[in-house]
C-alpha atoms as a PDB file:
ATOM      1  CA  MET A   1      57.438 -23.624 -53.950  1.00  0.00           C
ATOM      2  CA  ILE A   2      60.237 -20.925 -54.166  1.00  0.00           C
ATOM      3  CA  THR A   3      59.309 -17.417 -52.868  1.00  0.00           C
ATOM      4  CA  GLN A   4      61.468 -14.440 -52.774  1.00  0.00           C
ATOM      5  CA  GLU A   5      60.908 -14.426 -48.760  1.00  0.00           C
ATOM      6  CA  ASP A   6      62.697 -17.770 -48.227  1.00  0.00           C
ATOM      7  CA  SER A   7      65.224 -17.912 -50.755  1.00  0.00           C
ATOM      8  CA  ASN A   8      67.779 -15.969 -52.870  1.00  0.00           C
ATOM      9  CA  LEU A   9      68.405 -16.215 -56.502  1.00  0.00           C
ATOM     10  CA  ALA A  10      71.896 -17.419 -55.973  1.00  0.00           C
ATOM     11  CA  ALA A  11      71.311 -20.131 -53.668  1.00  0.00           C
ATOM     12  CA  THR A  12      68.275 -21.539 -55.648  1.00  0.00           C
ATOM     13  CA  ALA A  13      70.392 -21.497 -58.642  1.00  0.00           C
ATOM     14  CA  ILE A  14      73.345 -23.440 -56.931  1.00  0.00           C
ATOM     15  CA  ASN A  15      70.757 -25.614 -55.496  1.00  0.00           C
ATOM     16  CA  PHE A  16      68.950 -26.283 -58.648  1.00  0.00           C
ATOM     17  CA  VAL A  17      72.311 -26.979 -60.502  1.00  0.00           C
ATOM     18  CA  LEU A  18      73.619 -29.547 -57.759  1.00  0.00           C
ATOM     19  CA  GLN A  19      70.394 -31.434 -57.723  1.00  0.00           C
ATOM     20  CA  ASN A  20      71.475 -32.776 -61.356  1.00  0.00           C
ATOM     21  CA  ARG A  21      72.980 -36.024 -60.686  1.00  0.00           C
ATOM     22  CA  ALA A  22      75.668 -35.390 -63.375  1.00  0.00           C
ATOM     23  CA  ILE A  23      76.941 -32.308 -62.043  1.00  0.00           C
ATOM     24  CA  THR A  24      79.535 -32.795 -59.109  1.00  0.00           C
ATOM     25  CA  ALA A  25      80.567 -29.072 -58.431  1.00  0.00           C
ATOM     26  CA  ALA A  26      79.317 -25.785 -58.994  1.00  0.00           C
ATOM     27  CA  VAL A  27      81.645 -22.570 -59.722  1.00  0.00           C
ATOM     28  CA  ALA A  28      79.853 -19.411 -58.549  1.00  0.00           C
ATOM     29  CA  GLY A  29      81.496 -15.981 -59.712  1.00  0.00           C
ATOM     30  CA  ILE A  30      81.621 -13.978 -56.438  1.00  0.00           C
ATOM     31  CA  ARG A  31      82.822 -10.162 -57.035  1.00  0.00           C
ATOM     32  CA  ASN A  32      81.999  -8.852 -53.437  1.00  0.00           C
ATOM     33  CA  SER A  33      80.840  -9.727 -49.852  1.00  0.00           C
ATOM     34  CA  ASN A  34      77.426  -9.785 -50.476  1.00  0.00           C
ATOM     35  CA  GLN A  35      77.499 -12.218 -53.208  1.00  0.00           C
ATOM     36  CA  LEU A  36      79.503 -14.305 -50.924  1.00  0.00           C
ATOM     37  CA  ILE A  37      76.777 -14.194 -48.420  1.00  0.00           C
ATOM     38  CA  ASP A  38      74.220 -14.957 -50.890  1.00  0.00           C
ATOM     39  CA  VAL A  39      75.986 -18.162 -52.205  1.00  0.00           C
ATOM     40  CA  LEU A  40      76.840 -19.169 -48.667  1.00  0.00           C
ATOM     41  CA  GLN A  41      73.069 -19.124 -48.101  1.00  0.00           C
ATOM     42  CA  PHE A  42      72.917 -22.417 -50.403  1.00  0.00           C
ATOM     43  CA  MET A  43      74.721 -24.241 -47.502  1.00  0.00           C
ATOM     44  CA  ASN A  44      71.304 -23.407 -44.927  1.00  0.00           C
ATOM     45  CA  SER A  45      68.791 -24.014 -47.542  1.00  0.00           C
ATOM     46  CA  ALA A  46      66.743 -26.944 -47.977  1.00  0.00           C
ATOM     47  CA  PRO A  47      66.888 -29.121 -51.105  1.00  0.00           C
ATOM     48  CA  LEU A  48      64.218 -28.121 -53.890  1.00  0.00           C
ATOM     49  CA  SER A  49      61.047 -29.886 -53.826  1.00  0.00           C
ATOM     50  CA  PRO A  50      60.173 -31.674 -56.973  1.00  0.00           C
ATOM     51  CA  SER A  51      57.736 -29.453 -58.230  1.00  0.00           C
ATOM     52  CA  ASP A  52      60.175 -26.456 -57.704  1.00  0.00           C
ATOM     53  CA  ILE A  53      62.646 -28.613 -59.841  1.00  0.00           C
ATOM     54  CA  GLU A  54      60.205 -28.951 -62.628  1.00  0.00           C
ATOM     55  CA  LEU A  55      59.345 -25.341 -62.430  1.00  0.00           C
ATOM     56  CA  LEU A  56      62.813 -24.297 -62.908  1.00  0.00           C
ATOM     57  CA  LYS A  57      63.213 -26.941 -66.012  1.00  0.00           C
ATOM     58  CA  VAL A  58      60.444 -25.570 -67.770  1.00  0.00           C
ATOM     59  CA  ALA A  59      61.544 -21.923 -67.100  1.00  0.00           C
ATOM     60  CA  ILE A  60      65.434 -22.387 -68.249  1.00  0.00           C
ATOM     61  CA  PRO A  61      65.534 -24.487 -71.258  1.00  0.00           C
ATOM     62  CA  SER A  62      68.488 -27.097 -71.135  1.00  0.00           C
ATOM     63  CA  GLN A  63      71.541 -26.573 -73.413  1.00  0.00           C
ATOM     64  CA  GLN A  64      73.990 -29.265 -74.414  1.00  0.00           C
ATOM     65  CA  TYR A  65      77.266 -28.537 -76.117  1.00  0.00           C
ATOM     66  CA  LYS A  66      77.672 -30.356 -78.911  1.00  0.00           C
ATOM     67  CA  ILE A  67      80.469 -28.884 -81.530  1.00  0.00           C
ATOM     68  CA  HIS A  68      82.847 -31.618 -80.499  1.00  0.00           C
ATOM     69  CA  ARG A  69      80.735 -34.479 -79.794  1.00  0.00           C
END
């Protein structure tokens, strides 16, 4: 289970995005050194558990670009 003590929002977000097999890269907008440190914590974080991934999928609705399809 994702908790505030063992994770940060940036690391969790990047971890979630990159666990999608259709995605090969994530671009993080970084404005300052604190944000850089948050993003770099992703490198040391464990993969999200299947239950965490499902929890995030429910909390964040999927969006698909359809205008030019």
